[in-house]
Amino acid sequence: RIPSAILIGVLGTAFTLFLVMSTNLID
């Protein structure tokens, strides 16, 4: 479970960085 939690955290971080670099908050 713990390594899996780290993997999902990395995935979410990647999605977040993509969004904050390409759009605004409301969009």
PDB file of all heavy atoms in Angstrom:
ATOM      1  N   ARG A   1       0.806  -1.217   0.000  1.00  0.00           N
ATOM      2  CA  ARG A   1       0.000   0.000   0.000  1.00  0.00           C
ATOM      3  C   ARG A   1       0.840   1.269   0.000  1.00  0.00           C
ATOM      4  O   ARG A   1       0.532   2.242  -0.705  1.00  0.00           O
ATOM      5  CB  ARG A   1      -0.940  -0.003   1.228  1.00  0.00           C
ATOM      6  CG  ARG A   1      -2.035   1.053   1.163  1.00  0.00           C
ATOM      7  CD  ARG A   1      -2.753   1.193   2.473  1.00  0.00           C
ATOM      8  NE  ARG A   1      -1.884   1.767   3.500  1.00  0.00           N
ATOM      9  CZ  ARG A   1      -1.608   3.063   3.601  1.00  0.00           C
ATOM     10  NH1 ARG A   1      -2.105   3.916   2.726  1.00  0.00           N
ATOM     11  NH2 ARG A   1      -0.829   3.512   4.563  1.00  0.00           N
ATOM     12  N   ILE A   2       1.919   1.295   0.768  1.00  0.00           N
ATOM     13  CA  ILE A   2       2.702   2.529   0.898  1.00  0.00           C
ATOM     14  C   ILE A   2       3.393   2.914  -0.419  1.00  0.00           C
ATOM     15  O   ILE A   2       3.291   4.080  -0.855  1.00  0.00           O
ATOM     16  CB  ILE A   2       3.705   2.410   2.061  1.00  0.00           C
ATOM     17  CG1 ILE A   2       2.930   2.372   3.393  1.00  0.00           C
ATOM     18  CG2 ILE A   2       4.706   3.569   2.049  1.00  0.00           C
ATOM     19  CD1 ILE A   2       3.810   2.156   4.612  1.00  0.00           C
ATOM     20  N   PRO A   3       4.101   1.985  -1.115  1.00  0.00           N
ATOM     21  CA  PRO A   3       4.645   2.362  -2.427  1.00  0.00           C
ATOM     22  C   PRO A   3       3.563   2.789  -3.411  1.00  0.00           C
ATOM     23  O   PRO A   3       3.785   3.679  -4.244  1.00  0.00           O
ATOM     24  CB  PRO A   3       5.346   1.073  -2.892  1.00  0.00           C
ATOM     25  CG  PRO A   3       5.661   0.343  -1.649  1.00  0.00           C
ATOM     26  CD  PRO A   3       4.530   0.638  -0.712  1.00  0.00           C
ATOM     27  N   SER A   4       2.392   2.167  -3.303  1.00  0.00           N
ATOM     28  CA  SER A   4       1.288   2.535  -4.188  1.00  0.00           C
ATOM     29  C   SER A   4       0.821   3.960  -3.913  1.00  0.00           C
ATOM     30  O   SER A   4       0.479   4.711  -4.838  1.00  0.00           O
ATOM     31  CB  SER A   4       0.126   1.556  -4.000  1.00  0.00           C
ATOM     32  OG  SER A   4      -0.920   1.848  -4.899  1.00  0.00           O
ATOM     33  N   ALA A   5       0.816   4.362  -2.630  1.00  0.00           N
ATOM     34  CA  ALA A   5       0.437   5.737  -2.274  1.00  0.00           C
ATOM     35  C   ALA A   5       1.411   6.735  -2.891  1.00  0.00           C
ATOM     36  O   ALA A   5       1.012   7.809  -3.367  1.00  0.00           O
ATOM     37  CB  ALA A   5       0.411   5.893  -0.753  1.00  0.00           C
ATOM     38  N   ILE A   6       2.676   6.392  -2.891  1.00  0.00           N
ATOM     39  CA  ILE A   6       3.683   7.277  -3.485  1.00  0.00           C
ATOM     40  C   ILE A   6       3.459   7.408  -4.986  1.00  0.00           C
ATOM     41  O   ILE A   6       3.548   8.507  -5.559  1.00  0.00           O
ATOM     42  CB  ILE A   6       5.104   6.752  -3.182  1.00  0.00           C
ATOM     43  CG1 ILE A   6       5.353   6.793  -1.663  1.00  0.00           C
ATOM     44  CG2 ILE A   6       6.155   7.562  -3.922  1.00  0.00           C
ATOM     45  CD1 ILE A   6       6.647   6.120  -1.235  1.00  0.00           C
ATOM     46  N   LEU A   7       3.131   6.305  -5.655  1.00  0.00           N
ATOM     47  CA  LEU A   7       2.892   6.336  -7.096  1.00  0.00           C
ATOM     48  C   LEU A   7       1.709   7.219  -7.456  1.00  0.00           C
ATOM     49  O   LEU A   7       1.775   8.019  -8.393  1.00  0.00           O
ATOM     50  CB  LEU A   7       2.654   4.917  -7.617  1.00  0.00           C
ATOM     51  CG  LEU A   7       3.885   4.037  -7.824  1.00  0.00           C
ATOM     52  CD1 LEU A   7       3.473   2.637  -8.268  1.00  0.00           C
ATOM     53  CD2 LEU A   7       4.823   4.654  -8.854  1.00  0.00           C
ATOM     54  N   ILE A   8       0.612   7.084  -6.715  1.00  0.00           N
ATOM     55  CA  ILE A   8      -0.561   7.903  -7.011  1.00  0.00           C
ATOM     56  C   ILE A   8      -0.266   9.372  -6.721  1.00  0.00           C
ATOM     57  O   ILE A   8      -0.747  10.272  -7.411  1.00  0.00           O
ATOM     58  CB  ILE A   8      -1.803   7.426  -6.224  1.00  0.00           C
ATOM     59  CG1 ILE A   8      -3.069   8.148  -6.713  1.00  0.00           C
ATOM     60  CG2 ILE A   8      -1.655   7.642  -4.734  1.00  0.00           C
ATOM     61  CD1 ILE A   8      -3.467   7.803  -8.112  1.00  0.00           C
ATOM     62  N   GLY A   9       0.575   9.641  -5.723  1.00  0.00           N
ATOM     63  CA  GLY A   9       0.979  11.018  -5.447  1.00  0.00           C
ATOM     64  C   GLY A   9       1.773  11.618  -6.585  1.00  0.00           C
ATOM     65  O   GLY A   9       1.590  12.789  -6.957  1.00  0.00           O
ATOM     66  N   VAL A  10       2.653  10.833  -7.175  1.00  0.00           N
ATOM     67  CA  VAL A  10       3.449  11.300  -8.319  1.00  0.00           C
ATOM     68  C   VAL A  10       2.544  11.595  -9.508  1.00  0.00           C
ATOM     69  O   VAL A  10       2.705  12.616 -10.204  1.00  0.00           O
ATOM     70  CB  VAL A  10       4.516  10.250  -8.696  1.00  0.00           C
ATOM     71  CG1 VAL A  10       5.191  10.614 -10.014  1.00  0.00           C
ATOM     72  CG2 VAL A  10       5.558  10.132  -7.591  1.00  0.00           C
ATOM     73  N   LEU A  11       1.561  10.704  -9.756  1.00  0.00           N
ATOM     74  CA  LEU A  11       0.620  10.918 -10.860  1.00  0.00           C
ATOM     75  C   LEU A  11      -0.169  12.202 -10.666  1.00  0.00           C
ATOM     76  O   LEU A  11      -0.301  13.016 -11.589  1.00  0.00           O
ATOM     77  CB  LEU A  11      -0.335   9.721 -10.959  1.00  0.00           C
ATOM     78  CG  LEU A  11      -1.437   9.825 -12.027  1.00  0.00           C
ATOM     79  CD1 LEU A  11      -0.826   9.790 -13.418  1.00  0.00           C
ATOM     80  CD2 LEU A  11      -2.442   8.685 -11.864  1.00  0.00           C
ATOM     81  N   GLY A  12      -0.697  12.404  -9.459  1.00  0.00           N
ATOM     82  CA  GLY A  12      -1.462  13.617  -9.182  1.00  0.00           C
ATOM     83  C   GLY A  12      -0.625  14.877  -9.307  1.00  0.00           C
ATOM     84  O   GLY A  12      -1.094  15.907  -9.804  1.00  0.00           O
ATOM     85  N   THR A  13       0.622  14.803  -8.866  1.00  0.00           N
ATOM     86  CA  THR A  13       1.530  15.958  -8.975  1.00  0.00           C
ATOM     87  C   THR A  13       1.763  16.319 -10.433  1.00  0.00           C
ATOM     88  O   THR A  13       1.766  17.504 -10.806  1.00  0.00           O
ATOM     89  CB  THR A  13       2.869  15.658  -8.283  1.00  0.00           C
ATOM     90  OG1 THR A  13       2.628  15.324  -6.913  1.00  0.00           O
ATOM     91  CG2 THR A  13       3.789  16.866  -8.340  1.00  0.00           C
ATOM     92  N   ALA A  14       1.952  15.311 -11.279  1.00  0.00           N
ATOM     93  CA  ALA A  14       2.179  15.559 -12.703  1.00  0.00           C
ATOM     94  C   ALA A  14       0.964  16.227 -13.339  1.00  0.00           C
ATOM     95  O   ALA A  14       1.093  17.201 -14.099  1.00  0.00           O
ATOM     96  CB  ALA A  14       2.498  14.242 -13.412  1.00  0.00           C
ATOM     97  N   PHE A  15      -0.234  15.727 -13.032  1.00  0.00           N
ATOM     98  CA  PHE A  15      -1.452  16.345 -13.548  1.00  0.00           C
ATOM     99  C   PHE A  15      -1.574  17.795 -13.082  1.00  0.00           C
ATOM    100  O   PHE A  15      -1.949  18.686 -13.845  1.00  0.00           O
ATOM    101  CB  PHE A  15      -2.685  15.562 -13.075  1.00  0.00           C
ATOM    102  CG  PHE A  15      -2.926  14.274 -13.811  1.00  0.00           C
ATOM    103  CD1 PHE A  15      -3.676  13.264 -13.232  1.00  0.00           C
ATOM    104  CD2 PHE A  15      -2.421  14.073 -15.079  1.00  0.00           C
ATOM    105  CE1 PHE A  15      -3.910  12.072 -13.904  1.00  0.00           C
ATOM    106  CE2 PHE A  15      -2.644  12.891 -15.762  1.00  0.00           C
ATOM    107  CZ  PHE A  15      -3.387  11.885 -15.175  1.00  0.00           C
ATOM    108  N   THR A  16      -1.251  18.032 -11.813  1.00  0.00           N
ATOM    109  CA  THR A  16      -1.374  19.374 -11.234  1.00  0.00           C
ATOM    110  C   THR A  16      -0.440  20.356 -11.923  1.00  0.00           C
ATOM    111  O   THR A  16      -0.842  21.470 -12.289  1.00  0.00           O
ATOM    112  CB  THR A  16      -1.067  19.347  -9.728  1.00  0.00           C
ATOM    113  OG1 THR A  16      -1.922  18.404  -9.084  1.00  0.00           O
ATOM    114  CG2 THR A  16      -1.296  20.720  -9.106  1.00  0.00           C
ATOM    115  N   LEU A  17       0.810  19.958 -12.087  1.00  0.00           N
ATOM    116  CA  LEU A  17       1.783  20.838 -12.738  1.00  0.00           C
ATOM    117  C   LEU A  17       1.354  21.167 -14.164  1.00  0.00           C
ATOM    118  O   LEU A  17       1.515  22.302 -14.629  1.00  0.00           O
ATOM    119  CB  LEU A  17       3.163  20.184 -12.735  1.00  0.00           C
ATOM    120  CG  LEU A  17       3.844  20.079 -11.364  1.00  0.00           C
ATOM    121  CD1 LEU A  17       5.135  19.283 -11.459  1.00  0.00           C
ATOM    122  CD2 LEU A  17       4.125  21.475 -10.792  1.00  0.00           C
ATOM    123  N   PHE A  18       0.773  20.190 -14.852  1.00  0.00           N
ATOM    124  CA  PHE A  18       0.279  20.449 -16.205  1.00  0.00           C
ATOM    125  C   PHE A  18      -0.829  21.495 -16.188  1.00  0.00           C
ATOM    126  O   PHE A  18      -0.853  22.432 -16.995  1.00  0.00           O
ATOM    127  CB  PHE A  18      -0.226  19.155 -16.840  1.00  0.00           C
ATOM    128  CG  PHE A  18      -0.943  19.364 -18.145  1.00  0.00           C
ATOM    129  CD1 PHE A  18      -0.241  19.621 -19.317  1.00  0.00           C
ATOM    130  CD2 PHE A  18      -2.344  19.334 -18.206  1.00  0.00           C
ATOM    131  CE1 PHE A  18      -0.906  19.830 -20.517  1.00  0.00           C
ATOM    132  CE2 PHE A  18      -3.013  19.542 -19.400  1.00  0.00           C
ATOM    133  CZ  PHE A  18      -2.291  19.790 -20.562  1.00  0.00           C
ATOM    134  N   LEU A  19      -1.774  21.351 -15.250  1.00  0.00           N
ATOM    135  CA  LEU A  19      -2.908  22.266 -15.181  1.00  0.00           C
ATOM    136  C   LEU A  19      -2.495  23.680 -14.800  1.00  0.00           C
ATOM    137  O   LEU A  19      -2.957  24.658 -15.399  1.00  0.00           O
ATOM    138  CB  LEU A  19      -3.953  21.738 -14.195  1.00  0.00           C
ATOM    139  CG  LEU A  19      -4.804  20.558 -14.660  1.00  0.00           C
ATOM    140  CD1 LEU A  19      -5.652  20.032 -13.519  1.00  0.00           C
ATOM    141  CD2 LEU A  19      -5.690  20.954 -15.835  1.00  0.00           C
ATOM    142  N   VAL A  20      -1.639  23.814 -13.790  1.00  0.00           N
ATOM    143  CA  VAL A  20      -1.289  25.151 -13.323  1.00  0.00           C
ATOM    144  C   VAL A  20      -0.438  25.896 -14.352  1.00  0.00           C
ATOM    145  O   VAL A  20      -0.373  27.130 -14.337  1.00  0.00           O
ATOM    146  CB  VAL A  20      -0.552  25.107 -11.963  1.00  0.00           C
ATOM    147  CG1 VAL A  20      -1.453  24.528 -10.890  1.00  0.00           C
ATOM    148  CG2 VAL A  20       0.762  24.348 -12.043  1.00  0.00           C
ATOM    149  N   MET A  21       0.200  25.164 -15.235  1.00  0.00           N
ATOM    150  CA  MET A  21       1.013  25.814 -16.263  1.00  0.00           C
ATOM    151  C   MET A  21       0.215  26.170 -17.513  1.00  0.00           C
ATOM    152  O   MET A  21       0.678  26.942 -18.345  1.00  0.00           O
ATOM    153  CB  MET A  21       2.177  24.898 -16.678  1.00  0.00           C
ATOM    154  CG  MET A  21       3.133  24.561 -15.567  1.00  0.00           C
ATOM    155  SD  MET A  21       3.912  26.031 -14.849  1.00  0.00           S
ATOM    156  CE  MET A  21       4.842  25.272 -13.508  1.00  0.00           C
ATOM    157  N   SER A  22      -0.991  25.592 -17.643  1.00  0.00           N
ATOM    158  CA  SER A  22      -1.690  25.737 -18.918  1.00  0.00           C
ATOM    159  C   SER A  22      -3.072  26.370 -18.820  1.00  0.00           C
ATOM    160  O   SER A  22      -3.719  26.585 -19.841  1.00  0.00           O
ATOM    161  CB  SER A  22      -1.842  24.357 -19.575  1.00  0.00           C
ATOM    162  OG  SER A  22      -2.566  23.474 -18.738  1.00  0.00           O
ATOM    163  N   THR A  23      -3.555  26.673 -17.605  1.00  0.00           N
ATOM    164  CA  THR A  23      -4.900  27.200 -17.477  1.00  0.00           C
ATOM    165  C   THR A  23      -5.017  28.050 -16.228  1.00  0.00           C
ATOM    166  O   THR A  23      -4.047  28.202 -15.487  1.00  0.00           O
ATOM    167  CB  THR A  23      -5.920  26.035 -17.430  1.00  0.00           C
ATOM    168  OG1 THR A  23      -7.244  26.572 -17.449  1.00  0.00           O
ATOM    169  CG2 THR A  23      -5.735  25.190 -16.176  1.00  0.00           C
ATOM    170  N   ASN A  24      -6.195  28.624 -15.991  1.00  0.00           N
ATOM    171  CA  ASN A  24      -6.430  29.354 -14.748  1.00  0.00           C
ATOM    172  C   ASN A  24      -7.301  28.505 -13.826  1.00  0.00           C
ATOM    173  O   ASN A  24      -7.770  27.434 -14.199  1.00  0.00           O
ATOM    174  CB  ASN A  24      -7.078  30.725 -15.013  1.00  0.00           C
ATOM    175  CG  ASN A  24      -8.423  30.621 -15.729  1.00  0.00           C
ATOM    176  OD1 ASN A  24      -9.241  29.752 -15.422  1.00  0.00           O
ATOM    177  ND2 ASN A  24      -8.657  31.511 -16.684  1.00  0.00           N
ATOM    178  N   LEU A  25      -7.542  29.002 -12.625  1.00  0.00           N
ATOM    179  CA  LEU A  25      -8.207  28.201 -11.608  1.00  0.00           C
ATOM    180  C   LEU A  25      -9.633  27.823 -11.999  1.00  0.00           C
ATOM    181  O   LEU A  25     -10.016  26.650 -11.920  1.00  0.00           O
ATOM    182  CB  LEU A  25      -8.208  28.955 -10.278  1.00  0.00           C
ATOM    183  CG  LEU A  25      -8.879  28.247  -9.092  1.00  0.00           C
ATOM    184  CD1 LEU A  25      -8.236  26.896  -8.831  1.00  0.00           C
ATOM    185  CD2 LEU A  25      -8.820  29.119  -7.848  1.00  0.00           C
ATOM    186  N   ILE A  26     -10.428  28.777 -12.436  1.00  0.00           N
ATOM    187  CA  ILE A  26     -11.838  28.492 -12.712  1.00  0.00           C
ATOM    188  C   ILE A  26     -11.986  27.540 -13.888  1.00  0.00           C
ATOM    189  O   ILE A  26     -12.819  26.624 -13.874  1.00  0.00           O
ATOM    190  CB  ILE A  26     -12.630  29.803 -12.956  1.00  0.00           C
ATOM    191  CG1 ILE A  26     -14.129  29.517 -13.027  1.00  0.00           C
ATOM    192  CG2 ILE A  26     -12.131  30.506 -14.205  1.00  0.00           C
ATOM    193  CD1 ILE A  26     -14.726  29.048 -11.741  1.00  0.00           C
ATOM    194  N   ASP A  27     -11.153  27.711 -14.935  1.00  0.00           N
ATOM    195  CA  ASP A  27     -11.223  26.805 -16.078  1.00  0.00           C
ATOM    196  C   ASP A  27     -10.812  25.389 -15.682  1.00  0.00           C
ATOM    197  O   ASP A  27     -11.428  24.399 -16.104  1.00  0.00           O
ATOM    198  CB  ASP A  27     -10.315  27.297 -17.208  1.00  0.00           C
ATOM    199  CG  ASP A  27     -10.891  28.501 -17.932  1.00  0.00           C
ATOM    200  OD1 ASP A  27     -12.101  28.759 -17.756  1.00  0.00           O
ATOM    201  OD2 ASP A  27     -10.148  29.181 -18.654  1.00  0.00           O
TER     202      ASP A  27
END
